[in-house]
Amino acid sequence: MPSGQQARAQAAAITPGQQSPDTEAAPTDRVLALFGGHRLSPAQRRIAQYLVDHLTEAAFLSITELAERVGVSQPSVTRFASSLGFSGFPALREALQPIALSAVARHPDTREEIRRNELQAAVDAEIENLESLRRLLADPNQILGVGRELARSTPLTILGLRISVSLAEYFAYAARRIHPDVRLVTRGGSVAYDALLQSREAGGTWVLAFAMPRHANETLAAMRAARRTGLRVALITDLTLGPLVDEADVALTAGTGSRLVFDSYSAPGVLSAAVLQAMADADPGRTQVRLEGYEQAAEQHNFFLED
């Protein structure tokens, strides 16, 4: 027996002319009518379901954004649009947008409700990213191993370019409290190469790189430059495959939140803190001495407000 959605799609496809000209089909039914009579692959069914469930948002997404939201490739979205008889995704999106606007017009409160729900959905997506990270950390040996190697590298170079600068700056700021020589690189090109070469010549053995989407070619070039100088590369990213991962000696993965206009980094932030903890645990004596010295200096210079 077909599901309720399938039944509505079949009805819309079979009897489009029986509808009164004064009665417009519901937006969901109009979207389902686009899919009626077409055989869809599992990936295509996921795209179709996302379009139905998030019509007013999905109708205005780029092909890249839609592919990321659904968890499929961009060619899969293109093939989906073609299977429905459209010349490509832009043509499908053009057909969806008037339907989405009619949905908002039917329900004046819909726009605010969708915004509220999408904000909650963004939090839900971050919770899923953190759950995935929790499963990754069920075996802490890899994190502890990376922490030991980074703690031994003097100097230790932290690399983060473009959107990844904020994570790199956070890590470097905290790492300087427990490591004697932390060097931060936030510019690519020859500036990055010079800094990496100087770090290697000074005795450094590792660089920790951050690579969040959209992944910059400059980051890949800097990682390759680091390896040419003899440095080993630990990478914190959202990728599991690709050239960035291929260039890393160790890759640690944490998903980014992509439900809002700008990505959010709850899971990469927690992963960064876990690596810092592993560095601290690698040499607890040095960590204690450095943290105590920092606290004394902070109190002496009144860096912080009284608790």
C-alpha atoms as a PDB file:
ATOM      1  CA  MET A   1       0.000   0.000   0.000  1.00  0.00           C
ATOM      2  CA  PRO A   2       1.459   3.382  -0.933  1.00  0.00           C
ATOM      3  CA  SER A   3       2.277   5.836   1.814  1.00  0.00           C
ATOM      4  CA  GLY A   4       0.240   9.027   2.278  1.00  0.00           C
ATOM      5  CA  GLN A   5       2.826  11.024   0.356  1.00  0.00           C
ATOM      6  CA  GLN A   6       2.917   8.466  -2.454  1.00  0.00           C
ATOM      7  CA  ALA A   7      -0.889   8.478  -2.661  1.00  0.00           C
ATOM      8  CA  ARG A   8      -0.966  12.269  -2.915  1.00  0.00           C
ATOM      9  CA  ALA A   9       1.731  12.188  -5.596  1.00  0.00           C
ATOM     10  CA  GLN A  10      -0.209   9.611  -7.598  1.00  0.00           C
ATOM     11  CA  ALA A  11      -3.434  11.577  -7.294  1.00  0.00           C
ATOM     12  CA  ALA A  12      -1.736  14.781  -8.420  1.00  0.00           C
ATOM     13  CA  ALA A  13      -0.152  13.018 -11.385  1.00  0.00           C
ATOM     14  CA  ILE A  14      -3.309  11.171 -12.469  1.00  0.00           C
ATOM     15  CA  THR A  15      -5.959  13.851 -12.054  1.00  0.00           C
ATOM     16  CA  PRO A  16      -4.379  17.280 -12.457  1.00  0.00           C
ATOM     17  CA  GLY A  17      -7.239  18.497 -14.630  1.00  0.00           C
ATOM     18  CA  GLN A  18     -10.018  17.659 -12.161  1.00  0.00           C
ATOM     19  CA  GLN A  19      -9.042  20.444  -9.805  1.00  0.00           C
ATOM     20  CA  SER A  20     -11.202  23.537  -9.730  1.00  0.00           C
ATOM     21  CA  PRO A  21      -9.450  26.538 -11.277  1.00  0.00           C
ATOM     22  CA  ASP A  22     -10.263  28.480  -8.118  1.00  0.00           C
ATOM     23  CA  THR A  23      -8.636  25.880  -5.871  1.00  0.00           C
ATOM     24  CA  GLU A  24      -4.841  25.666  -6.007  1.00  0.00           C
ATOM     25  CA  ALA A  25      -3.202  22.432  -4.861  1.00  0.00           C
ATOM     26  CA  ALA A  26      -1.318  22.528  -1.592  1.00  0.00           C
ATOM     27  CA  PRO A  27       2.388  23.361  -2.049  1.00  0.00           C
ATOM     28  CA  THR A  28       3.452  19.931  -0.820  1.00  0.00           C
ATOM     29  CA  ASP A  29       1.160  18.262  -3.357  1.00  0.00           C
ATOM     30  CA  ARG A  30       2.552  20.443  -6.142  1.00  0.00           C
ATOM     31  CA  VAL A  31       6.102  19.410  -5.236  1.00  0.00           C
ATOM     32  CA  LEU A  32       5.120  15.751  -5.038  1.00  0.00           C
ATOM     33  CA  ALA A  33       3.510  16.040  -8.466  1.00  0.00           C
ATOM     34  CA  LEU A  34       6.960  16.805  -9.880  1.00  0.00           C
ATOM     35  CA  PHE A  35       8.151  13.405  -8.688  1.00  0.00           C
ATOM     36  CA  GLY A  36       5.097  11.386  -9.733  1.00  0.00           C
ATOM     37  CA  GLY A  37       5.715   8.619 -12.273  1.00  0.00           C
ATOM     38  CA  HIS A  38       9.502   8.773 -11.957  1.00  0.00           C
ATOM     39  CA  ARG A  39      11.690   5.942 -10.704  1.00  0.00           C
ATOM     40  CA  LEU A  40      14.102   7.386  -8.183  1.00  0.00           C
ATOM     41  CA  SER A  41      17.267   5.847  -6.758  1.00  0.00           C
ATOM     42  CA  PRO A  42      17.753   5.777  -2.962  1.00  0.00           C
ATOM     43  CA  ALA A  43      19.912   8.914  -3.136  1.00  0.00           C
ATOM     44  CA  GLN A  44      17.341  10.646  -5.314  1.00  0.00           C
ATOM     45  CA  ARG A  45      14.550   9.719  -2.912  1.00  0.00           C
ATOM     46  CA  ARG A  46      16.547  11.376  -0.120  1.00  0.00           C
ATOM     47  CA  ILE A  47      16.812  14.547  -2.197  1.00  0.00           C
ATOM     48  CA  ALA A  48      13.091  14.458  -2.961  1.00  0.00           C
ATOM     49  CA  GLN A  49      12.214  13.970   0.708  1.00  0.00           C
ATOM     50  CA  TYR A  50      14.424  16.889   1.718  1.00  0.00           C
ATOM     51  CA  LEU A  51      12.738  19.127  -0.855  1.00  0.00           C
ATOM     52  CA  VAL A  52       9.325  18.176   0.519  1.00  0.00           C
ATOM     53  CA  ASP A  53      10.300  18.585   4.171  1.00  0.00           C
ATOM     54  CA  HIS A  54      12.244  21.852   3.722  1.00  0.00           C
ATOM     55  CA  LEU A  55      10.538  23.391   0.692  1.00  0.00           C
ATOM     56  CA  THR A  56      10.750  27.072   1.613  1.00  0.00           C
ATOM     57  CA  GLU A  57      14.455  26.749   2.388  1.00  0.00           C
ATOM     58  CA  ALA A  58      15.524  24.189  -0.229  1.00  0.00           C
ATOM     59  CA  ALA A  59      14.015  26.123  -3.143  1.00  0.00           C
ATOM     60  CA  PHE A  60      16.618  28.857  -2.648  1.00  0.00           C
ATOM     61  CA  LEU A  61      19.724  26.767  -1.978  1.00  0.00           C
ATOM     62  CA  SER A  62      22.634  26.410  -4.376  1.00  0.00           C
ATOM     63  CA  ILE A  63      23.425  22.958  -5.714  1.00  0.00           C
ATOM     64  CA  THR A  64      26.429  22.809  -3.365  1.00  0.00           C
ATOM     65  CA  GLU A  65      24.327  23.711  -0.320  1.00  0.00           C
ATOM     66  CA  LEU A  66      21.580  21.227  -1.190  1.00  0.00           C
ATOM     67  CA  ALA A  67      24.085  18.414  -1.736  1.00  0.00           C
ATOM     68  CA  GLU A  68      25.692  19.140   1.643  1.00  0.00           C
ATOM     69  CA  ARG A  69      22.335  19.282   3.466  1.00  0.00           C
ATOM     70  CA  VAL A  70      21.161  15.972   1.997  1.00  0.00           C
ATOM     71  CA  GLY A  71      24.554  14.278   2.209  1.00  0.00           C
ATOM     72  CA  VAL A  72      24.930  13.456  -1.491  1.00  0.00           C
ATOM     73  CA  SER A  73      27.263  14.571  -4.261  1.00  0.00           C
ATOM     74  CA  GLN A  74      26.581  17.512  -6.543  1.00  0.00           C
ATOM     75  CA  PRO A  75      26.370  15.190  -9.602  1.00  0.00           C
ATOM     76  CA  SER A  76      23.656  13.256  -7.748  1.00  0.00           C
ATOM     77  CA  VAL A  77      21.589  16.447  -7.492  1.00  0.00           C
ATOM     78  CA  THR A  78      22.123  17.152 -11.191  1.00  0.00           C
ATOM     79  CA  ARG A  79      21.077  13.602 -12.142  1.00  0.00           C
ATOM     80  CA  PHE A  80      18.016  13.933  -9.898  1.00  0.00           C
ATOM     81  CA  ALA A  81      16.900  17.088 -11.690  1.00  0.00           C
ATOM     82  CA  SER A  82      17.522  15.464 -15.071  1.00  0.00           C
ATOM     83  CA  SER A  83      15.519  12.373 -14.112  1.00  0.00           C
ATOM     84  CA  LEU A  84      12.521  14.655 -13.504  1.00  0.00           C
ATOM     85  CA  GLY A  85      12.821  16.120 -16.988  1.00  0.00           C
ATOM     86  CA  PHE A  86      14.632  19.356 -16.126  1.00  0.00           C
ATOM     87  CA  SER A  87      17.712  20.596 -17.955  1.00  0.00           C
ATOM     88  CA  GLY A  88      19.565  20.814 -14.651  1.00  0.00           C
ATOM     89  CA  PHE A  89      19.242  21.845 -11.030  1.00  0.00           C
ATOM     90  CA  PRO A  90      18.774  25.581 -11.772  1.00  0.00           C
ATOM     91  CA  ALA A  91      15.697  24.738 -13.838  1.00  0.00           C
ATOM     92  CA  LEU A  92      14.291  22.550 -11.053  1.00  0.00           C
ATOM     93  CA  ARG A  93      14.957  25.274  -8.500  1.00  0.00           C
ATOM     94  CA  GLU A  94      13.188  27.797 -10.723  1.00  0.00           C
ATOM     95  CA  ALA A  95      10.135  25.532 -10.729  1.00  0.00           C
ATOM     96  CA  LEU A  96      10.247  25.100  -6.959  1.00  0.00           C
ATOM     97  CA  GLN A  97      10.585  28.762  -5.986  1.00  0.00           C
ATOM     98  CA  PRO A  98       7.028  29.892  -6.863  1.00  0.00           C
ATOM     99  CA  ILE A  99       5.680  26.899  -4.961  1.00  0.00           C
ATOM    100  CA  ALA A 100       7.800  27.809  -1.941  1.00  0.00           C
ATOM    101  CA  LEU A 101       6.630  31.420  -2.070  1.00  0.00           C
ATOM    102  CA  SER A 102       3.006  30.304  -2.253  1.00  0.00           C
ATOM    103  CA  ALA A 103       3.575  28.199   0.870  1.00  0.00           C
ATOM    104  CA  VAL A 104       4.779  31.291   2.738  1.00  0.00           C
ATOM    105  CA  ALA A 105       1.860  33.351   1.406  1.00  0.00           C
ATOM    106  CA  ARG A 106      -0.662  30.741   2.594  1.00  0.00           C
ATOM    107  CA  HIS A 107       0.730  30.839   6.104  1.00  0.00           C
ATOM    108  CA  PRO A 108       2.013  34.273   7.149  1.00  0.00           C
ATOM    109  CA  ASP A 109       3.613  32.825  10.270  1.00  0.00           C
ATOM    110  CA  THR A 110       5.429  30.131   8.314  1.00  0.00           C
ATOM    111  CA  ARG A 111       8.583  32.169   7.683  1.00  0.00           C
ATOM    112  CA  GLU A 112       9.182  32.830  11.387  1.00  0.00           C
ATOM    113  CA  GLU A 113       8.255  29.258  12.281  1.00  0.00           C
ATOM    114  CA  ILE A 114      10.665  27.875   9.722  1.00  0.00           C
ATOM    115  CA  ARG A 115      13.395  30.171  10.995  1.00  0.00           C
ATOM    116  CA  ARG A 116      12.802  28.979  14.539  1.00  0.00           C
ATOM    117  CA  ASN A 117      12.728  25.348  13.471  1.00  0.00           C
ATOM    118  CA  GLU A 118      15.826  25.736  11.338  1.00  0.00           C
ATOM    119  CA  LEU A 119      17.714  27.219  14.263  1.00  0.00           C
ATOM    120  CA  GLN A 120      16.703  24.206  16.323  1.00  0.00           C
ATOM    121  CA  ALA A 121      17.639  21.935  13.427  1.00  0.00           C
ATOM    122  CA  ALA A 122      21.076  23.553  13.360  1.00  0.00           C
ATOM    123  CA  VAL A 123      21.534  22.711  17.037  1.00  0.00           C
ATOM    124  CA  ASP A 124      20.315  19.158  16.393  1.00  0.00           C
ATOM    125  CA  ALA A 125      22.876  18.803  13.599  1.00  0.00           C
ATOM    126  CA  GLU A 126      25.647  19.954  15.950  1.00  0.00           C
ATOM    127  CA  ILE A 127      24.504  17.437  18.543  1.00  0.00           C
ATOM    128  CA  GLU A 128      24.863  14.728  15.899  1.00  0.00           C
ATOM    129  CA  ASN A 129      28.381  15.976  15.104  1.00  0.00           C
ATOM    130  CA  LEU A 130      29.266  15.807  18.789  1.00  0.00           C
ATOM    131  CA  GLU A 131      27.808  12.297  19.048  1.00  0.00           C
ATOM    132  CA  SER A 132      30.017  11.221  16.138  1.00  0.00           C
ATOM    133  CA  LEU A 133      33.021  12.773  17.870  1.00  0.00           C
ATOM    134  CA  ARG A 134      32.091  10.977  21.076  1.00  0.00           C
ATOM    135  CA  ARG A 135      32.192   7.664  19.221  1.00  0.00           C
ATOM    136  CA  LEU A 136      35.570   8.604  17.752  1.00  0.00           C
ATOM    137  CA  LEU A 137      36.959   9.306  21.215  1.00  0.00           C
ATOM    138  CA  ALA A 138      35.738   5.975  22.595  1.00  0.00           C
ATOM    139  CA  ASP A 139      39.283   4.821  21.856  1.00  0.00           C
ATOM    140  CA  PRO A 140      41.470   7.736  22.994  1.00  0.00           C
ATOM    141  CA  ASN A 141      44.765   6.184  21.909  1.00  0.00           C
ATOM    142  CA  GLN A 142      45.038   8.113  18.646  1.00  0.00           C
ATOM    143  CA  ILE A 143      44.357  11.454  20.337  1.00  0.00           C
ATOM    144  CA  LEU A 144      46.819  10.662  23.116  1.00  0.00           C
ATOM    145  CA  GLY A 145      49.442   9.681  20.552  1.00  0.00           C
ATOM    146  CA  VAL A 146      48.992  12.894  18.589  1.00  0.00           C
ATOM    147  CA  GLY A 147      49.145  14.900  21.808  1.00  0.00           C
ATOM    148  CA  ARG A 148      52.460  13.295  22.766  1.00  0.00           C
ATOM    149  CA  GLU A 149      53.994  14.026  19.360  1.00  0.00           C
ATOM    150  CA  LEU A 150      52.850  17.635  19.331  1.00  0.00           C
ATOM    151  CA  ALA A 151      54.082  18.161  22.895  1.00  0.00           C
ATOM    152  CA  ARG A 152      57.553  16.914  21.893  1.00  0.00           C
ATOM    153  CA  SER A 153      57.825  19.177  18.856  1.00  0.00           C
ATOM    154  CA  THR A 154      59.747  22.316  19.794  1.00  0.00           C
ATOM    155  CA  PRO A 155      58.831  24.581  18.177  1.00  0.00           C
ATOM    156  CA  LEU A 156      55.273  23.511  17.400  1.00  0.00           C
ATOM    157  CA  THR A 157      53.647  25.177  14.395  1.00  0.00           C
ATOM    158  CA  ILE A 158      49.885  25.717  14.155  1.00  0.00           C
ATOM    159  CA  LEU A 159      48.521  26.355  10.667  1.00  0.00           C
ATOM    160  CA  GLY A 160      45.085  27.789   9.868  1.00  0.00           C
ATOM    161  CA  LEU A 161      44.186  29.798   6.793  1.00  0.00           C
ATOM    162  CA  ARG A 162      41.047  31.706   5.774  1.00  0.00           C
ATOM    163  CA  ILE A 163      37.970  30.405   7.648  1.00  0.00           C
ATOM    164  CA  SER A 164      40.177  28.104   9.752  1.00  0.00           C
ATOM    165  CA  VAL A 165      42.103  30.999  11.323  1.00  0.00           C
ATOM    166  CA  SER A 166      39.802  31.218  14.347  1.00  0.00           C
ATOM    167  CA  LEU A 167      40.325  27.580  15.353  1.00  0.00           C
ATOM    168  CA  ALA A 168      44.076  27.844  14.838  1.00  0.00           C
ATOM    169  CA  GLU A 169      44.260  31.016  16.946  1.00  0.00           C
ATOM    170  CA  TYR A 170      42.271  29.397  19.758  1.00  0.00           C
ATOM    171  CA  PHE A 171      44.525  26.347  19.741  1.00  0.00           C
ATOM    172  CA  ALA A 172      47.741  28.388  19.643  1.00  0.00           C
ATOM    173  CA  TYR A 173      46.555  30.690  22.440  1.00  0.00           C
ATOM    174  CA  ALA A 174      45.842  27.743  24.737  1.00  0.00           C
ATOM    175  CA  ALA A 175      48.865  25.691  23.664  1.00  0.00           C
ATOM    176  CA  ARG A 176      51.238  28.495  24.633  1.00  0.00           C
ATOM    177  CA  ARG A 177      50.171  27.970  28.250  1.00  0.00           C
ATOM    178  CA  ILE A 178      51.575  24.435  28.248  1.00  0.00           C
ATOM    179  CA  HIS A 179      54.215  24.458  25.476  1.00  0.00           C
ATOM    180  CA  PRO A 180      57.399  26.547  25.418  1.00  0.00           C
ATOM    181  CA  ASP A 181      57.411  27.503  21.720  1.00  0.00           C
ATOM    182  CA  VAL A 182      54.195  27.683  19.686  1.00  0.00           C
ATOM    183  CA  ARG A 183      54.242  29.403  16.303  1.00  0.00           C
ATOM    184  CA  LEU A 184      51.037  30.416  14.548  1.00  0.00           C
ATOM    185  CA  VAL A 185      50.786  30.634  10.742  1.00  0.00           C
ATOM    186  CA  THR A 186      47.652  32.295   9.356  1.00  0.00           C
ATOM    187  CA  ARG A 187      48.929  33.487   5.974  1.00  0.00           C
ATOM    188  CA  GLY A 188      49.629  31.297   2.974  1.00  0.00           C
ATOM    189  CA  GLY A 189      52.131  31.487   0.144  1.00  0.00           C
ATOM    190  CA  SER A 190      55.752  32.381   0.770  1.00  0.00           C
ATOM    191  CA  VAL A 191      54.926  33.650   4.287  1.00  0.00           C
ATOM    192  CA  ALA A 192      53.731  30.196   5.304  1.00  0.00           C
ATOM    193  CA  TYR A 193      56.658  28.458   3.605  1.00  0.00           C
ATOM    194  CA  ASP A 194      59.222  30.683   5.352  1.00  0.00           C
ATOM    195  CA  ALA A 195      57.590  30.094   8.742  1.00  0.00           C
ATOM    196  CA  LEU A 196      57.473  26.330   8.219  1.00  0.00           C
ATOM    197  CA  LEU A 197      61.094  26.201   7.071  1.00  0.00           C
ATOM    198  CA  GLN A 198      62.219  28.249  10.077  1.00  0.00           C
ATOM    199  CA  SER A 199      60.274  25.973  12.400  1.00  0.00           C
ATOM    200  CA  ARG A 200      61.970  22.893  10.954  1.00  0.00           C
ATOM    201  CA  GLU A 201      65.424  24.483  11.109  1.00  0.00           C
ATOM    202  CA  ALA A 202      64.777  25.364  14.770  1.00  0.00           C
ATOM    203  CA  GLY A 203      64.151  21.703  15.577  1.00  0.00           C
ATOM    204  CA  GLY A 204      60.403  21.399  15.088  1.00  0.00           C
ATOM    205  CA  THR A 205      59.037  18.043  13.992  1.00  0.00           C
ATOM    206  CA  TRP A 206      55.270  18.578  13.676  1.00  0.00           C
ATOM    207  CA  VAL A 207      52.746  21.089  12.343  1.00  0.00           C
ATOM    208  CA  LEU A 208      49.075  20.974  13.322  1.00  0.00           C
ATOM    209  CA  ALA A 209      46.849  22.170  10.474  1.00  0.00           C
ATOM    210  CA  PHE A 210      43.172  23.137  10.576  1.00  0.00           C
ATOM    211  CA  ALA A 211      41.088  22.804   7.400  1.00  0.00           C
ATOM    212  CA  MET A 212      37.399  23.661   7.578  1.00  0.00           C
ATOM    213  CA  PRO A 213      35.092  24.125   4.561  1.00  0.00           C
ATOM    214  CA  ARG A 214      35.373  25.680   2.119  1.00  0.00           C
ATOM    215  CA  HIS A 215      38.790  24.079   1.982  1.00  0.00           C
ATOM    216  CA  ALA A 216      41.451  26.425   0.661  1.00  0.00           C
ATOM    217  CA  ASN A 217      44.023  25.441  -1.950  1.00  0.00           C
ATOM    218  CA  GLU A 218      46.481  27.494   0.104  1.00  0.00           C
ATOM    219  CA  THR A 219      46.104  25.020   2.962  1.00  0.00           C
ATOM    220  CA  LEU A 220      46.955  22.093   0.719  1.00  0.00           C
ATOM    221  CA  ALA A 221      49.973  23.947  -0.645  1.00  0.00           C
ATOM    222  CA  ALA A 222      51.165  24.798   2.882  1.00  0.00           C
ATOM    223  CA  MET A 223      50.783  21.188   4.034  1.00  0.00           C
ATOM    224  CA  ARG A 224      52.813  19.987   1.067  1.00  0.00           C
ATOM    225  CA  ALA A 225      55.433  22.624   1.799  1.00  0.00           C
ATOM    226  CA  ALA A 226      55.592  21.464   5.421  1.00  0.00           C
ATOM    227  CA  ARG A 227      56.255  17.893   4.362  1.00  0.00           C
ATOM    228  CA  ARG A 228      58.937  19.009   1.901  1.00  0.00           C
ATOM    229  CA  THR A 229      60.763  20.734   4.754  1.00  0.00           C
ATOM    230  CA  GLY A 230      60.672  17.492   6.767  1.00  0.00           C
ATOM    231  CA  LEU A 231      57.829  18.366   9.123  1.00  0.00           C
ATOM    232  CA  ARG A 232      55.105  15.841   9.837  1.00  0.00           C
ATOM    233  CA  VAL A 233      51.502  17.031   9.569  1.00  0.00           C
ATOM    234  CA  ALA A 234      48.569  16.421  11.904  1.00  0.00           C
ATOM    235  CA  LEU A 235      45.269  17.608  10.435  1.00  0.00           C
ATOM    236  CA  ILE A 236      41.973  18.546  12.079  1.00  0.00           C
ATOM    237  CA  THR A 237      39.261  18.665   9.419  1.00  0.00           C
ATOM    238  CA  ASP A 238      35.733  17.619   8.553  1.00  0.00           C
ATOM    239  CA  LEU A 239      36.918  15.446   5.656  1.00  0.00           C
ATOM    240  CA  THR A 240      37.491  11.705   5.664  1.00  0.00           C
ATOM    241  CA  LEU A 241      38.875  11.542   2.111  1.00  0.00           C
ATOM    242  CA  GLY A 242      40.569  13.863  -0.331  1.00  0.00           C
ATOM    243  CA  PRO A 243      43.929  15.513  -1.059  1.00  0.00           C
ATOM    244  CA  LEU A 244      44.161  17.251   2.319  1.00  0.00           C
ATOM    245  CA  VAL A 245      43.801  13.966   4.174  1.00  0.00           C
ATOM    246  CA  ASP A 246      46.234  12.295   1.767  1.00  0.00           C
ATOM    247  CA  GLU A 247      48.907  14.867   2.637  1.00  0.00           C
ATOM    248  CA  ALA A 248      48.507  14.431   6.411  1.00  0.00           C
ATOM    249  CA  ASP A 249      50.425  11.956   8.530  1.00  0.00           C
ATOM    250  CA  VAL A 250      47.493  11.895  10.956  1.00  0.00           C
ATOM    251  CA  ALA A 251      43.954  13.148  10.254  1.00  0.00           C
ATOM    252  CA  LEU A 252      41.407  13.786  13.012  1.00  0.00           C
ATOM    253  CA  THR A 253      37.848  14.306  11.814  1.00  0.00           C
ATOM    254  CA  ALA A 254      35.011  16.352  13.312  1.00  0.00           C
ATOM    255  CA  GLY A 255      31.905  17.453  11.442  1.00  0.00           C
ATOM    256  CA  THR A 256      30.985  21.113  10.994  1.00  0.00           C
ATOM    257  CA  GLY A 257      27.480  22.515  11.284  1.00  0.00           C
ATOM    258  CA  SER A 258      26.198  23.671   7.887  1.00  0.00           C
ATOM    259  CA  ARG A 259      22.532  24.448   8.561  1.00  0.00           C
ATOM    260  CA  LEU A 260      23.008  28.193   8.982  1.00  0.00           C
ATOM    261  CA  VAL A 261      24.377  30.886   6.674  1.00  0.00           C
ATOM    262  CA  PHE A 262      27.839  30.396   8.167  1.00  0.00           C
ATOM    263  CA  ASP A 263      29.249  27.091   9.400  1.00  0.00           C
ATOM    264  CA  SER A 264      29.578  26.369  13.106  1.00  0.00           C
ATOM    265  CA  TYR A 265      32.378  24.427  14.759  1.00  0.00           C
ATOM    266  CA  SER A 266      31.193  22.816  17.974  1.00  0.00           C
ATOM    267  CA  ALA A 267      32.734  19.406  17.265  1.00  0.00           C
ATOM    268  CA  PRO A 268      36.072  20.729  15.876  1.00  0.00           C
ATOM    269  CA  GLY A 269      36.303  22.975  18.949  1.00  0.00           C
ATOM    270  CA  VAL A 270      35.831  20.050  21.330  1.00  0.00           C
ATOM    271  CA  LEU A 271      38.299  17.954  19.309  1.00  0.00           C
ATOM    272  CA  SER A 272      40.850  20.785  19.568  1.00  0.00           C
ATOM    273  CA  ALA A 273      40.373  20.911  23.339  1.00  0.00           C
ATOM    274  CA  ALA A 274      40.844  17.124  23.503  1.00  0.00           C
ATOM    275  CA  VAL A 275      44.173  17.401  21.651  1.00  0.00           C
ATOM    276  CA  LEU A 276      45.246  20.164  24.037  1.00  0.00           C
ATOM    277  CA  GLN A 277      44.364  17.893  26.950  1.00  0.00           C
ATOM    278  CA  ALA A 278      46.437  15.106  25.405  1.00  0.00           C
ATOM    279  CA  MET A 279      49.369  17.499  25.065  1.00  0.00           C
ATOM    280  CA  ALA A 280      49.024  18.483  28.713  1.00  0.00           C
ATOM    281  CA  ASP A 281      48.854  14.832  29.788  1.00  0.00           C
ATOM    282  CA  ALA A 282      51.986  14.011  27.776  1.00  0.00           C
ATOM    283  CA  ASP A 283      54.169  16.026  30.157  1.00  0.00           C
ATOM    284  CA  PRO A 284      52.168  16.785  33.320  1.00  0.00           C
ATOM    285  CA  GLY A 285      55.187  18.157  35.178  1.00  0.00           C
ATOM    286  CA  ARG A 286      55.939  20.786  32.543  1.00  0.00           C
ATOM    287  CA  THR A 287      52.241  21.555  32.220  1.00  0.00           C
ATOM    288  CA  GLN A 288      51.870  22.187  35.947  1.00  0.00           C
ATOM    289  CA  VAL A 289      54.914  24.441  36.122  1.00  0.00           C
ATOM    290  CA  ARG A 290      53.848  26.493  33.104  1.00  0.00           C
ATOM    291  CA  LEU A 291      50.232  26.861  34.225  1.00  0.00           C
ATOM    292  CA  GLU A 292      51.293  27.962  37.699  1.00  0.00           C
ATOM    293  CA  GLY A 293      53.690  30.494  36.200  1.00  0.00           C
ATOM    294  CA  TYR A 294      50.959  31.833  33.959  1.00  0.00           C
ATOM    295  CA  GLU A 295      48.514  32.165  36.846  1.00  0.00           C
ATOM    296  CA  GLN A 296      51.085  34.016  38.947  1.00  0.00           C
ATOM    297  CA  ALA A 297      51.791  36.418  36.101  1.00  0.00           C
ATOM    298  CA  ALA A 298      48.077  36.939  35.519  1.00  0.00           C
ATOM    299  CA  GLU A 299      47.498  37.760  39.184  1.00  0.00           C
ATOM    300  CA  GLN A 300      50.509  40.068  39.289  1.00  0.00           C
ATOM    301  CA  HIS A 301      49.316  42.091  36.303  1.00  0.00           C
ATOM    302  CA  ASN A 302      45.612  41.869  37.095  1.00  0.00           C
ATOM    303  CA  PHE A 303      44.712  40.308  33.764  1.00  0.00           C
ATOM    304  CA  PHE A 304      41.320  39.109  34.928  1.00  0.00           C
ATOM    305  CA  LEU A 305      38.353  40.371  36.889  1.00  0.00           C
ATOM    306  CA  GLU A 306      37.950  39.040  40.410  1.00  0.00           C
ATOM    307  CA  ASP A 307      35.674  35.982  40.576  1.00  0.00           C
END
